[in-house]
């Protein structure tokens, strides 16, 4: 399993208020989620009505598939009406490289009971 991550900046040139910005951002988030089954969030510049920092994640069975989806999304981002794509970065991570068992502070994410339940075969 692989996780594709796209971080990008949108410059919303015609926005004169946060309401205008929210309209563009919400429309884009809904469209990307619907068309690509990805998770999208505005993660920065929340109070700037002309700028949106956004993050997007997609999960796929292969790195190649993640790259294909991120490529298609990047094309759509360049064509967003009412906004210009600014800085954009992407990363594809193997789930094997992500430690699923501990939080940042080293504490376990799952109780022993939850861990056993996850390992049980499903009927």
PDB file of N, CA and C in Angstrom:
ATOM      1  N   UNK A   1       0.851  -1.179   0.000  1.00  0.00           N
ATOM      2  CA  UNK A   1       0.000   0.000   0.000  1.00  0.00           C
ATOM      3  C   UNK A   1       0.893   1.239   0.000  1.00  0.00           C
ATOM      4  N   UNK A   2       0.454   2.246  -0.756  1.00  0.00           N
ATOM      5  CA  UNK A   2       1.214   3.489  -0.869  1.00  0.00           C
ATOM      6  C   UNK A   2       0.309   4.684  -0.614  1.00  0.00           C
ATOM      7  N   UNK A   3       0.907   5.749  -0.110  1.00  0.00           N
ATOM      8  CA  UNK A   3       0.184   6.983   0.190  1.00  0.00           C
ATOM      9  C   UNK A   3       0.808   8.098  -0.636  1.00  0.00           C
ATOM     10  N   UNK A   4      -0.012   8.734  -1.471  1.00  0.00           N
ATOM     11  CA  UNK A   4       0.443   9.869  -2.260  1.00  0.00           C
ATOM     12  C   UNK A   4       0.021  11.153  -1.568  1.00  0.00           C
ATOM     13  N   UNK A   5       0.963  12.060  -1.399  1.00  0.00           N
ATOM     14  CA  UNK A   5       0.701  13.319  -0.696  1.00  0.00           C
ATOM     15  C   UNK A   5       1.015  14.484  -1.628  1.00  0.00           C
ATOM     16  N   UNK A   6       0.076  15.395  -1.741  1.00  0.00           N
ATOM     17  CA  UNK A   6       0.268  16.589  -2.558  1.00  0.00           C
ATOM     18  C   UNK A   6       0.013  17.799  -1.671  1.00  0.00           C
ATOM     19  N   UNK A   7       0.984  18.694  -1.604  1.00  0.00           N
ATOM     20  CA  UNK A   7       0.827  19.950  -0.875  1.00  0.00           C
ATOM     21  C   UNK A   7       0.892  21.056  -1.912  1.00  0.00           C
ATOM     22  N   UNK A   8      -0.087  21.941  -1.888  1.00  0.00           N
ATOM     23  CA  UNK A   8      -0.110  22.980  -2.909  1.00  0.00           C
ATOM     24  C   UNK A   8      -0.690  24.276  -2.379  1.00  0.00           C
ATOM     25  N   UNK A   9      -0.387  25.328  -3.118  1.00  0.00           N
ATOM     26  CA  UNK A   9      -0.818  26.672  -2.774  1.00  0.00           C
ATOM     27  C   UNK A   9      -1.719  27.165  -3.909  1.00  0.00           C
ATOM     28  N   UNK A  10      -2.857  27.725  -3.548  1.00  0.00           N
ATOM     29  CA  UNK A  10      -3.749  28.337  -4.524  1.00  0.00           C
ATOM     30  C   UNK A  10      -3.809  29.829  -4.265  1.00  0.00           C
ATOM     31  N   UNK A  11      -3.608  30.597  -5.313  1.00  0.00           N
ATOM     32  CA  UNK A  11      -3.767  32.038  -5.234  1.00  0.00           C
ATOM     33  C   UNK A  11      -5.126  32.344  -5.869  1.00  0.00           C
ATOM     34  N   UNK A  12      -6.043  32.858  -5.063  1.00  0.00           N
ATOM     35  CA  UNK A  12      -7.410  33.113  -5.519  1.00  0.00           C
ATOM     36  C   UNK A  12      -7.495  34.592  -5.865  1.00  0.00           C
ATOM     37  N   UNK A  13      -7.248  34.887  -7.127  1.00  0.00           N
ATOM     38  CA  UNK A  13      -7.036  36.263  -7.561  1.00  0.00           C
ATOM     39  C   UNK A  13      -8.272  37.150  -7.440  1.00  0.00           C
ATOM     40  N   UNK A  14      -9.445  36.626  -7.695  1.00  0.00           N
ATOM     41  CA  UNK A  14     -10.646  37.460  -7.698  1.00  0.00           C
ATOM     42  C   UNK A  14     -11.336  37.541  -6.336  1.00  0.00           C
ATOM     43  N   UNK A  15     -10.771  36.886  -5.333  1.00  0.00           N
ATOM     44  CA  UNK A  15     -11.405  36.855  -4.019  1.00  0.00           C
ATOM     45  C   UNK A  15     -11.295  38.206  -3.323  1.00  0.00           C
ATOM     46  N   UNK A  16     -12.424  38.665  -2.814  1.00  0.00           N
ATOM     47  CA  UNK A  16     -12.435  39.916  -2.045  1.00  0.00           C
ATOM     48  C   UNK A  16     -12.819  39.689  -0.589  1.00  0.00           C
ATOM     49  N   UNK A  17     -13.119  38.440  -0.250  1.00  0.00           N
ATOM     50  CA  UNK A  17     -13.507  38.131   1.126  1.00  0.00           C
ATOM     51  C   UNK A  17     -13.229  36.657   1.401  1.00  0.00           C
ATOM     52  N   UNK A  18     -13.288  36.293   2.688  1.00  0.00           N
ATOM     53  CA  UNK A  18     -13.129  34.881   3.051  1.00  0.00           C
ATOM     54  C   UNK A  18     -14.267  34.046   2.483  1.00  0.00           C
ATOM     55  N   UNK A  19     -15.434  34.645   2.340  1.00  0.00           N
ATOM     56  CA  UNK A  19     -16.570  33.933   1.759  1.00  0.00           C
ATOM     57  C   UNK A  19     -16.281  33.558   0.301  1.00  0.00           C
ATOM     58  N   UNK A  20     -15.691  34.469  -0.454  1.00  0.00           N
ATOM     59  CA  UNK A  20     -15.304  34.169  -1.835  1.00  0.00           C
ATOM     60  C   UNK A  20     -14.282  33.033  -1.869  1.00  0.00           C
ATOM     61  N   UNK A  21     -13.299  33.112  -0.976  1.00  0.00           N
ATOM     62  CA  UNK A  21     -12.261  32.086  -0.909  1.00  0.00           C
ATOM     63  C   UNK A  21     -12.875  30.733  -0.575  1.00  0.00           C
ATOM     64  N   UNK A  22     -13.746  30.694   0.438  1.00  0.00           N
ATOM     65  CA  UNK A  22     -14.364  29.435   0.858  1.00  0.00           C
ATOM     66  C   UNK A  22     -15.141  28.787  -0.278  1.00  0.00           C
ATOM     67  N   UNK A  23     -15.778  29.609  -1.097  1.00  0.00           N
ATOM     68  CA  UNK A  23     -16.538  29.088  -2.227  1.00  0.00           C
ATOM     69  C   UNK A  23     -15.623  28.339  -3.197  1.00  0.00           C
ATOM     70  N   UNK A  24     -14.485  28.934  -3.533  1.00  0.00           N
ATOM     71  CA  UNK A  24     -13.533  28.299  -4.448  1.00  0.00           C
ATOM     72  C   UNK A  24     -12.940  27.046  -3.812  1.00  0.00           C
ATOM     73  N   UNK A  25     -12.505  27.153  -2.561  1.00  0.00           N
ATOM     74  CA  UNK A  25     -11.863  26.034  -1.871  1.00  0.00           C
ATOM     75  C   UNK A  25     -12.834  24.871  -1.687  1.00  0.00           C
ATOM     76  N   UNK A  26     -14.036  25.152  -1.243  1.00  0.00           N
ATOM     77  CA  UNK A  26     -15.022  24.076  -1.026  1.00  0.00           C
ATOM     78  C   UNK A  26     -15.369  23.379  -2.332  1.00  0.00           C
ATOM     79  N   UNK A  27     -15.576  24.157  -3.375  1.00  0.00           N
ATOM     80  CA  UNK A  27     -15.891  23.575  -4.674  1.00  0.00           C
ATOM     81  C   UNK A  27     -14.760  22.656  -5.146  1.00  0.00           C
ATOM     82  N   UNK A  28     -13.528  23.108  -5.001  1.00  0.00           N
ATOM     83  CA  UNK A  28     -12.382  22.307  -5.413  1.00  0.00           C
ATOM     84  C   UNK A  28     -12.260  21.041  -4.567  1.00  0.00           C
ATOM     85  N   UNK A  29     -12.385  21.180  -3.252  1.00  0.00           N
ATOM     86  CA  UNK A  29     -12.297  20.016  -2.368  1.00  0.00           C
ATOM     87  C   UNK A  29     -13.347  18.976  -2.726  1.00  0.00           C
ATOM     88  N   UNK A  30     -14.585  19.414  -2.909  1.00  0.00           N
ATOM     89  CA  UNK A  30     -15.669  18.484  -3.234  1.00  0.00           C
ATOM     90  C   UNK A  30     -15.412  17.787  -4.566  1.00  0.00           C
ATOM     91  N   UNK A  31     -14.966  18.555  -5.559  1.00  0.00           N
ATOM     92  CA  UNK A  31     -14.728  17.986  -6.889  1.00  0.00           C
ATOM     93  C   UNK A  31     -13.600  16.952  -6.852  1.00  0.00           C
ATOM     94  N   UNK A  32     -12.481  17.290  -6.206  1.00  0.00           N
ATOM     95  CA  UNK A  32     -11.358  16.359  -6.142  1.00  0.00           C
ATOM     96  C   UNK A  32     -11.735  15.090  -5.381  1.00  0.00           C
ATOM     97  N   UNK A  33     -12.446  15.248  -4.286  1.00  0.00           N
ATOM     98  CA  UNK A  33     -12.870  14.082  -3.505  1.00  0.00           C
ATOM     99  C   UNK A  33     -13.794  13.187  -4.329  1.00  0.00           C
ATOM    100  N   UNK A  34     -14.743  13.791  -4.991  1.00  0.00           N
ATOM    101  CA  UNK A  34     -15.716  13.041  -5.792  1.00  0.00           C
ATOM    102  C   UNK A  34     -15.053  12.329  -6.974  1.00  0.00           C
ATOM    103  N   UNK A  35     -14.157  13.017  -7.667  1.00  0.00           N
ATOM    104  CA  UNK A  35     -13.585  12.474  -8.897  1.00  0.00           C
ATOM    105  C   UNK A  35     -12.373  11.568  -8.669  1.00  0.00           C
ATOM    106  N   UNK A  36     -11.687  11.714  -7.523  1.00  0.00           N
ATOM    107  CA  UNK A  36     -10.453  10.954  -7.317  1.00  0.00           C
ATOM    108  C   UNK A  36     -10.423  10.174  -6.003  1.00  0.00           C
ATOM    109  N   UNK A  37     -11.492  10.226  -5.238  1.00  0.00           N
ATOM    110  CA  UNK A  37     -11.567   9.513  -3.958  1.00  0.00           C
ATOM    111  C   UNK A  37     -10.354   9.799  -3.076  1.00  0.00           C
ATOM    112  N   UNK A  38     -10.030  11.066  -2.957  1.00  0.00           N
ATOM    113  CA  UNK A  38      -8.896  11.484  -2.141  1.00  0.00           C
ATOM    114  C   UNK A  38      -9.395  12.344  -0.984  1.00  0.00           C
ATOM    115  N   UNK A  39      -8.532  12.523  -0.015  1.00  0.00           N
ATOM    116  CA  UNK A  39      -8.834  13.418   1.103  1.00  0.00           C
ATOM    117  C   UNK A  39      -8.152  14.752   0.844  1.00  0.00           C
ATOM    118  N   UNK A  40      -8.886  15.843   1.049  1.00  0.00           N
ATOM    119  CA  UNK A  40      -8.362  17.175   0.775  1.00  0.00           C
ATOM    120  C   UNK A  40      -8.711  18.075   1.952  1.00  0.00           C
ATOM    121  N   UNK A  41      -7.747  18.910   2.362  1.00  0.00           N
ATOM    122  CA  UNK A  41      -8.002  19.840   3.458  1.00  0.00           C
ATOM    123  C   UNK A  41      -7.234  21.131   3.228  1.00  0.00           C
ATOM    124  N   UNK A  42      -7.829  22.229   3.668  1.00  0.00           N
ATOM    125  CA  UNK A  42      -7.114  23.495   3.708  1.00  0.00           C
ATOM    126  C   UNK A  42      -6.313  23.483   5.001  1.00  0.00           C
ATOM    127  N   UNK A  43      -5.001  23.679   4.897  1.00  0.00           N
ATOM    128  CA  UNK A  43      -4.138  23.504   6.065  1.00  0.00           C
ATOM    129  C   UNK A  43      -3.367  24.749   6.476  1.00  0.00           C
ATOM    130  N   UNK A  44      -3.525  25.842   5.735  1.00  0.00           N
ATOM    131  CA  UNK A  44      -2.798  27.046   6.098  1.00  0.00           C
ATOM    132  C   UNK A  44      -3.378  28.275   5.441  1.00  0.00           C
ATOM    133  N   UNK A  45      -2.925  29.444   5.894  1.00  0.00           N
ATOM    134  CA  UNK A  45      -3.398  30.738   5.392  1.00  0.00           C
ATOM    135  C   UNK A  45      -4.917  30.844   5.520  1.00  0.00           C
ATOM    136  N   UNK A  46      -5.449  30.354   6.609  1.00  0.00           N
ATOM    137  CA  UNK A  46      -6.904  30.299   6.785  1.00  0.00           C
ATOM    138  C   UNK A  46      -7.552  31.675   6.837  1.00  0.00           C
ATOM    139  N   UNK A  47      -6.830  32.680   7.274  1.00  0.00           N
ATOM    140  CA  UNK A  47      -7.398  34.023   7.382  1.00  0.00           C
ATOM    141  C   UNK A  47      -7.043  34.939   6.212  1.00  0.00           C
ATOM    142  N   UNK A  48      -6.319  34.422   5.234  1.00  0.00           N
ATOM    143  CA  UNK A  48      -5.949  35.205   4.053  1.00  0.00           C
ATOM    144  C   UNK A  48      -6.959  34.907   2.947  1.00  0.00           C
ATOM    145  N   UNK A  49      -7.696  35.917   2.507  1.00  0.00           N
ATOM    146  CA  UNK A  49      -8.777  35.669   1.550  1.00  0.00           C
ATOM    147  C   UNK A  49      -8.301  35.453   0.112  1.00  0.00           C
ATOM    148  N   UNK A  50      -7.003  35.610  -0.142  1.00  0.00           N
ATOM    149  CA  UNK A  50      -6.491  35.400  -1.502  1.00  0.00           C
ATOM    150  C   UNK A  50      -5.544  34.205  -1.613  1.00  0.00           C
ATOM    151  N   UNK A  51      -5.316  33.508  -0.521  1.00  0.00           N
ATOM    152  CA  UNK A  51      -4.338  32.432  -0.518  1.00  0.00           C
ATOM    153  C   UNK A  51      -4.873  31.233   0.244  1.00  0.00           C
ATOM    154  N   UNK A  52      -4.663  30.049  -0.305  1.00  0.00           N
ATOM    155  CA  UNK A  52      -5.061  28.817   0.379  1.00  0.00           C
ATOM    156  C   UNK A  52      -3.918  27.817   0.282  1.00  0.00           C
ATOM    157  N   UNK A  53      -3.448  27.327   1.426  1.00  0.00           N
ATOM    158  CA  UNK A  53      -2.486  26.234   1.458  1.00  0.00           C
ATOM    159  C   UNK A  53      -3.288  24.968   1.703  1.00  0.00           C
ATOM    160  N   UNK A  54      -3.095  23.979   0.840  1.00  0.00           N
ATOM    161  CA  UNK A  54      -3.927  22.787   0.916  1.00  0.00           C
ATOM    162  C   UNK A  54      -3.071  21.529   0.903  1.00  0.00           C
ATOM    163  N   UNK A  55      -3.632  20.483   1.488  1.00  0.00           N
ATOM    164  CA  UNK A  55      -2.996  19.180   1.488  1.00  0.00           C
ATOM    165  C   UNK A  55      -3.974  18.148   0.964  1.00  0.00           C
ATOM    166  N   UNK A  56      -3.447  17.162   0.274  1.00  0.00           N
ATOM    167  CA  UNK A  56      -4.277  16.133  -0.344  1.00  0.00           C
ATOM    168  C   UNK A  56      -3.583  14.792  -0.168  1.00  0.00           C
ATOM    169  N   UNK A  57      -4.339  13.751   0.077  1.00  0.00           N
ATOM    170  CA  UNK A  57      -3.761  12.412   0.218  1.00  0.00           C
ATOM    171  C   UNK A  57      -4.614  11.399  -0.536  1.00  0.00           C
ATOM    172  N   UNK A  58      -3.930  10.456  -1.155  1.00  0.00           N
ATOM    173  CA  UNK A  58      -4.593   9.368  -1.864  1.00  0.00           C
ATOM    174  C   UNK A  58      -3.875   8.070  -1.496  1.00  0.00           C
ATOM    175  N   UNK A  59      -4.629   6.998  -1.376  1.00  0.00           N
ATOM    176  CA  UNK A  59      -4.062   5.691  -1.044  1.00  0.00           C
ATOM    177  C   UNK A  59      -4.305   4.767  -2.228  1.00  0.00           C
ATOM    178  N   UNK A  60      -3.258   4.007  -2.602  1.00  0.00           N
ATOM    179  CA  UNK A  60      -3.383   3.085  -3.731  1.00  0.00           C
ATOM    180  C   UNK A  60      -2.526   1.848  -3.491  1.00  0.00           C
ATOM    181  N   UNK A  61      -2.723   0.849  -4.329  1.00  0.00           N
ATOM    182  CA  UNK A  61      -2.008  -0.414  -4.173  1.00  0.00           C
ATOM    183  C   UNK A  61      -0.567  -0.348  -4.666  1.00  0.00           C
ATOM    184  N   UNK A  62      -0.243   0.668  -5.492  1.00  0.00           N
ATOM    185  CA  UNK A  62       1.118   0.776  -6.011  1.00  0.00           C
ATOM    186  C   UNK A  62       1.544   2.248  -6.071  1.00  0.00           C
ATOM    187  N   UNK A  63       2.850   2.454  -6.073  1.00  0.00           N
ATOM    188  CA  UNK A  63       3.384   3.809  -6.203  1.00  0.00           C
ATOM    189  C   UNK A  63       3.025   4.380  -7.568  1.00  0.00           C
ATOM    190  N   UNK A  64       3.017   3.534  -8.574  1.00  0.00           N
ATOM    191  CA  UNK A  64       2.668   3.977  -9.929  1.00  0.00           C
ATOM    192  C   UNK A  64       1.249   4.523  -9.987  1.00  0.00           C
ATOM    193  N   UNK A  65       0.329   3.820  -9.348  1.00  0.00           N
ATOM    194  CA  UNK A  65      -1.069   4.278  -9.335  1.00  0.00           C
ATOM    195  C   UNK A  65      -1.182   5.612  -8.593  1.00  0.00           C
ATOM    196  N   UNK A  66      -0.488   5.756  -7.478  1.00  0.00           N
ATOM    197  CA  UNK A  66      -0.488   7.033  -6.747  1.00  0.00           C
ATOM    198  C   UNK A  66       0.007   8.148  -7.653  1.00  0.00           C
ATOM    199  N   UNK A  67       1.098   7.900  -8.369  1.00  0.00           N
ATOM    200  CA  UNK A  67       1.672   8.913  -9.257  1.00  0.00           C
ATOM    201  C   UNK A  67       0.684   9.297 -10.355  1.00  0.00           C
ATOM    202  N   UNK A  68      -0.025   8.314 -10.922  1.00  0.00           N
ATOM    203  CA  UNK A  68      -1.009   8.592 -11.973  1.00  0.00           C
ATOM    204  C   UNK A  68      -2.129   9.491 -11.454  1.00  0.00           C
ATOM    205  N   UNK A  69      -2.624   9.178 -10.276  1.00  0.00           N
ATOM    206  CA  UNK A  69      -3.712   9.974  -9.693  1.00  0.00           C
ATOM    207  C   UNK A  69      -3.226  11.385  -9.379  1.00  0.00           C
ATOM    208  N   UNK A  70      -2.046  11.506  -8.785  1.00  0.00           N
ATOM    209  CA  UNK A  70      -1.504  12.828  -8.464  1.00  0.00           C
ATOM    210  C   UNK A  70      -1.244  13.646  -9.739  1.00  0.00           C
ATOM    211  N   UNK A  71      -0.825  12.978 -10.809  1.00  0.00           N
ATOM    212  CA  UNK A  71      -0.629  13.674 -12.090  1.00  0.00           C
ATOM    213  C   UNK A  71      -1.947  14.243 -12.603  1.00  0.00           C
ATOM    214  N   UNK A  72      -3.002  13.441 -12.562  1.00  0.00           N
ATOM    215  CA  UNK A  72      -4.323  13.908 -13.038  1.00  0.00           C
ATOM    216  C   UNK A  72      -4.836  15.055 -12.170  1.00  0.00           C
ATOM    217  N   UNK A  73      -4.625  14.966 -10.886  1.00  0.00           N
ATOM    218  CA  UNK A  73      -5.055  16.038  -9.984  1.00  0.00           C
ATOM    219  C   UNK A  73      -4.264  17.317 -10.269  1.00  0.00           C
ATOM    220  N   UNK A  74      -2.969  17.195 -10.501  1.00  0.00           N
ATOM    221  CA  UNK A  74      -2.134  18.364 -10.786  1.00  0.00           C
ATOM    222  C   UNK A  74      -2.618  19.095 -12.042  1.00  0.00           C
ATOM    223  N   UNK A  75      -3.007  18.348 -13.054  1.00  0.00           N
ATOM    224  CA  UNK A  75      -3.543  18.959 -14.278  1.00  0.00           C
ATOM    225  C   UNK A  75      -4.807  19.755 -13.955  1.00  0.00           C
ATOM    226  N   UNK A  76      -5.679  19.179 -13.144  1.00  0.00           N
ATOM    227  CA  UNK A  76      -6.911  19.883 -12.767  1.00  0.00           C
ATOM    228  C   UNK A  76      -6.621  21.131 -11.939  1.00  0.00           C
ATOM    229  N   UNK A  77      -5.613  21.067 -11.080  1.00  0.00           N
ATOM    230  CA  UNK A  77      -5.276  22.219 -10.253  1.00  0.00           C
ATOM    231  C   UNK A  77      -4.783  23.388 -11.097  1.00  0.00           C
ATOM    232  N   UNK A  78      -4.080  23.082 -12.178  1.00  0.00           N
ATOM    233  CA  UNK A  78      -3.595  24.151 -13.058  1.00  0.00           C
ATOM    234  C   UNK A  78      -4.735  24.830 -13.811  1.00  0.00           C
ATOM    235  N   UNK A  79      -5.887  24.169 -13.876  1.00  0.00           N
ATOM    236  CA  UNK A  79      -7.015  24.695 -14.646  1.00  0.00           C
ATOM    237  C   UNK A  79      -8.179  25.172 -13.767  1.00  0.00           C
ATOM    238  N   UNK A  80      -7.954  25.326 -12.472  1.00  0.00           N
ATOM    239  CA  UNK A  80      -9.025  25.763 -11.574  1.00  0.00           C
ATOM    240  C   UNK A  80      -9.457  27.178 -11.949  1.00  0.00           C
ATOM    241  N   UNK A  81     -10.745  27.327 -12.182  1.00  0.00           N
ATOM    242  CA  UNK A  81     -11.279  28.641 -12.537  1.00  0.00           C
ATOM    243  C   UNK A  81     -11.266  29.550 -11.312  1.00  0.00           C
ATOM    244  N   UNK A  82     -10.728  30.744 -11.479  1.00  0.00           N
ATOM    245  CA  UNK A  82     -10.704  31.710 -10.382  1.00  0.00           C
ATOM    246  C   UNK A  82      -9.508  31.595  -9.472  1.00  0.00           C
ATOM    247  N   UNK A  83      -8.571  30.681  -9.800  1.00  0.00           N
ATOM    248  CA  UNK A  83      -7.398  30.514  -8.948  1.00  0.00           C
ATOM    249  C   UNK A  83      -6.192  30.116  -9.791  1.00  0.00           C
ATOM    250  N   UNK A  84      -5.027  30.415  -9.264  1.00  0.00           N
ATOM    251  CA  UNK A  84      -3.777  30.025  -9.904  1.00  0.00           C
ATOM    252  C   UNK A  84      -3.017  29.104  -8.967  1.00  0.00           C
ATOM    253  N   UNK A  85      -2.437  28.069  -9.528  1.00  0.00           N
ATOM    254  CA  UNK A  85      -1.637  27.149  -8.735  1.00  0.00           C
ATOM    255  C   UNK A  85      -0.294  27.782  -8.438  1.00  0.00           C
ATOM    256  N   UNK A  86       0.058  27.844  -7.168  1.00  0.00           N
ATOM    257  CA  UNK A  86       1.357  28.356  -6.750  1.00  0.00           C
ATOM    258  C   UNK A  86       2.313  27.202  -6.525  1.00  0.00           C
ATOM    259  N   UNK A  87       3.051  27.245  -5.426  1.00  0.00           N
ATOM    260  CA  UNK A  87       3.992  26.170  -5.099  1.00  0.00           C
ATOM    261  C   UNK A  87       3.251  24.850  -4.944  1.00  0.00           C
ATOM    262  N   UNK A  88       3.892  23.788  -5.387  1.00  0.00           N
ATOM    263  CA  UNK A  88       3.275  22.470  -5.328  1.00  0.00           C
ATOM    264  C   UNK A  88       4.380  21.448  -5.072  1.00  0.00           C
ATOM    265  N   UNK A  89       4.155  20.538  -4.137  1.00  0.00           N
ATOM    266  CA  UNK A  89       5.125  19.467  -3.891  1.00  0.00           C
ATOM    267  C   UNK A  89       4.377  18.162  -3.686  1.00  0.00           C
ATOM    268  N   UNK A  90       5.019  17.082  -4.065  1.00  0.00           N
ATOM    269  CA  UNK A  90       4.377  15.776  -3.905  1.00  0.00           C
ATOM    270  C   UNK A  90       5.355  14.763  -3.370  1.00  0.00           C
ATOM    271  N   UNK A  91       4.776  13.763  -2.732  1.00  0.00           N
ATOM    272  CA  UNK A  91       5.581  12.712  -2.124  1.00  0.00           C
ATOM    273  C   UNK A  91       4.759  11.437  -2.165  1.00  0.00           C
ATOM    274  N   UNK A  92       5.426  10.324  -2.419  1.00  0.00           N
ATOM    275  CA  UNK A  92       4.761   9.025  -2.369  1.00  0.00           C
ATOM    276  C   UNK A  92       5.502   8.191  -1.330  1.00  0.00           C
ATOM    277  N   UNK A  93       4.743   7.686  -0.366  1.00  0.00           N
ATOM    278  CA  UNK A  93       5.321   6.981   0.769  1.00  0.00           C
ATOM    279  C   UNK A  93       4.763   5.567   0.807  1.00  0.00           C
ATOM    280  N   UNK A  94       5.632   4.609   1.055  1.00  0.00           N
ATOM    281  CA  UNK A  94       5.188   3.237   1.257  1.00  0.00           C
ATOM    282  C   UNK A  94       4.633   3.106   2.668  1.00  0.00           C
ATOM    283  N   UNK A  95       3.520   2.427   2.809  1.00  0.00           N
ATOM    284  CA  UNK A  95       2.936   2.240   4.140  1.00  0.00           C
ATOM    285  C   UNK A  95       3.892   1.458   5.036  1.00  0.00           C
ATOM    286  N   UNK A  96       4.759   0.656   4.436  1.00  0.00           N
ATOM    287  CA  UNK A  96       5.738  -0.102   5.228  1.00  0.00           C
ATOM    288  C   UNK A  96       6.734   0.825   5.912  1.00  0.00           C
ATOM    289  N   UNK A  97       6.913   2.037   5.359  1.00  0.00           N
ATOM    290  CA  UNK A  97       7.847   3.001   5.946  1.00  0.00           C
ATOM    291  C   UNK A  97       7.227   3.808   7.077  1.00  0.00           C
ATOM    292  N   UNK A  98       5.933   3.661   7.270  1.00  0.00           N
ATOM    293  CA  UNK A  98       5.223   4.413   8.301  1.00  0.00           C
ATOM    294  C   UNK A  98       4.990   3.484   9.474  1.00  0.00           C
ATOM    295  N   UNK A  99       5.423   3.885  10.656  1.00  0.00           N
ATOM    296  CA  UNK A  99       5.252   3.055  11.842  1.00  0.00           C
ATOM    297  C   UNK A  99       3.808   3.144  12.330  1.00  0.00           C
ATOM    298  N   UNK A 100       3.043   2.073  12.170  1.00  0.00           N
ATOM    299  CA  UNK A 100       1.636   2.130  12.558  1.00  0.00           C
ATOM    300  C   UNK A 100       1.363   1.864  14.034  1.00  0.00           C
ATOM    301  N   UNK A 101       2.403   1.499  14.778  1.00  0.00           N
ATOM    302  CA  UNK A 101       2.164   1.021  16.131  1.00  0.00           C
ATOM    303  C   UNK A 101       2.383   2.032  17.241  1.00  0.00           C
ATOM    304  N   UNK A 102       3.042   3.151  16.945  1.00  0.00           N
ATOM    305  CA  UNK A 102       3.327   4.099  18.012  1.00  0.00           C
ATOM    306  C   UNK A 102       3.031   5.529  17.581  1.00  0.00           C
ATOM    307  N   UNK A 103       2.665   6.341  18.544  1.00  0.00           N
ATOM    308  CA  UNK A 103       2.437   7.765  18.317  1.00  0.00           C
ATOM    309  C   UNK A 103       3.782   8.479  18.311  1.00  0.00           C
ATOM    310  N   UNK A 104       3.769   9.759  18.021  1.00  0.00           N
ATOM    311  CA  UNK A 104       5.003  10.547  17.970  1.00  0.00           C
ATOM    312  C   UNK A 104       5.781  10.494  19.287  1.00  0.00           C
ATOM    313  N   UNK A 105       5.059  10.382  20.390  1.00  0.00           N
ATOM    314  CA  UNK A 105       5.733  10.357  21.689  1.00  0.00           C
ATOM    315  C   UNK A 105       6.195   8.949  22.094  1.00  0.00           C
ATOM    316  N   UNK A 106       6.005   7.954  21.193  1.00  0.00           N
ATOM    317  CA  UNK A 106       6.432   6.589  21.476  1.00  0.00           C
ATOM    318  C   UNK A 106       5.389   5.731  22.160  1.00  0.00           C
ATOM    319  N   UNK A 107       4.264   6.311  22.555  1.00  0.00           N
ATOM    320  CA  UNK A 107       3.221   5.529  23.218  1.00  0.00           C
ATOM    321  C   UNK A 107       2.452   4.688  22.193  1.00  0.00           C
ATOM    322  N   UNK A 108       1.920   3.552  22.614  1.00  0.00           N
ATOM    323  CA  UNK A 108       1.193   2.691  21.679  1.00  0.00           C
ATOM    324  C   UNK A 108      -0.106   3.348  21.210  1.00  0.00           C
ATOM    325  N   UNK A 109      -0.412   3.157  19.919  1.00  0.00           N
ATOM    326  CA  UNK A 109      -1.665   3.682  19.380  1.00  0.00           C
ATOM    327  C   UNK A 109      -2.849   2.786  19.736  1.00  0.00           C
ATOM    328  N   UNK A 110      -2.580   1.516  19.903  1.00  0.00           N
ATOM    329  CA  UNK A 110      -3.654   0.550  20.129  1.00  0.00           C
ATOM    330  C   UNK A 110      -3.480  -0.145  21.466  1.00  0.00           C
ATOM    331  N   UNK A 111      -4.591  -0.460  22.091  1.00  0.00           N
ATOM    332  CA  UNK A 111      -4.537  -1.275  23.295  1.00  0.00           C
ATOM    333  C   UNK A 111      -4.241  -2.710  22.860  1.00  0.00           C
ATOM    334  N   UNK A 112      -3.765  -3.565  23.768  1.00  0.00           N
ATOM    335  CA  UNK A 112      -3.517  -4.969  23.399  1.00  0.00           C
ATOM    336  C   UNK A 112      -4.780  -5.648  22.841  1.00  0.00           C
ATOM    337  N   UNK A 113      -5.935  -5.323  23.384  1.00  0.00           N
ATOM    338  CA  UNK A 113      -7.185  -5.912  22.902  1.00  0.00           C
ATOM    339  C   UNK A 113      -7.475  -5.478  21.466  1.00  0.00           C
ATOM    340  N   UNK A 114      -7.261  -4.199  21.164  1.00  0.00           N
ATOM    341  CA  UNK A 114      -7.486  -3.712  19.806  1.00  0.00           C
ATOM    342  C   UNK A 114      -6.517  -4.356  18.823  1.00  0.00           C
ATOM    343  N   UNK A 115      -5.286  -4.559  19.231  1.00  0.00           N
ATOM    344  CA  UNK A 115      -4.290  -5.200  18.372  1.00  0.00           C
ATOM    345  C   UNK A 115      -4.678  -6.625  18.057  1.00  0.00           C
ATOM    346  N   UNK A 116      -5.139  -7.364  19.072  1.00  0.00           N
ATOM    347  CA  UNK A 116      -5.565  -8.756  18.846  1.00  0.00           C
ATOM    348  C   UNK A 116      -6.739  -8.808  17.888  1.00  0.00           C
ATOM    349  N   UNK A 117      -7.702  -7.898  18.039  1.00  0.00           N
ATOM    350  CA  UNK A 117      -8.873  -7.865  17.181  1.00  0.00           C
ATOM    351  C   UNK A 117      -8.496  -7.639  15.715  1.00  0.00           C
ATOM    352  N   UNK A 118      -7.514  -6.805  15.494  1.00  0.00           N
ATOM    353  CA  UNK A 118      -7.079  -6.516  14.126  1.00  0.00           C
ATOM    354  C   UNK A 118      -6.393  -7.725  13.483  1.00  0.00           C
ATOM    355  N   UNK A 119      -5.765  -8.565  14.303  1.00  0.00           N
ATOM    356  CA  UNK A 119      -5.051  -9.722  13.772  1.00  0.00           C
ATOM    357  C   UNK A 119      -5.965 -10.924  13.557  1.00  0.00           C
ATOM    358  N   UNK A 120      -7.168 -10.918  14.121  1.00  0.00           N
ATOM    359  CA  UNK A 120      -8.095 -12.051  13.967  1.00  0.00           C
ATOM    360  C   UNK A 120      -8.587 -12.141  12.534  1.00  0.00           C
ATOM    361  N   UNK A 121      -8.676 -13.368  11.999  1.00  0.00           N
ATOM    362  CA  UNK A 121      -9.216 -13.507  10.634  1.00  0.00           C
ATOM    363  C   UNK A 121     -10.690 -13.123  10.584  1.00  0.00           C
ATOM    364  N   UNK A 122     -11.070 -12.513   9.504  1.00  0.00           N
ATOM    365  CA  UNK A 122     -12.476 -12.096   9.342  1.00  0.00           C
ATOM    366  C   UNK A 122     -13.260 -13.168   8.618  1.00  0.00           C
ATOM    367  N   UNK A 123     -14.487 -13.317   9.033  1.00  0.00           N
ATOM    368  CA  UNK A 123     -15.345 -14.365   8.428  1.00  0.00           C
ATOM    369  C   UNK A 123     -15.988 -13.870   7.149  1.00  0.00           C
TER     370      UNK A 123
END
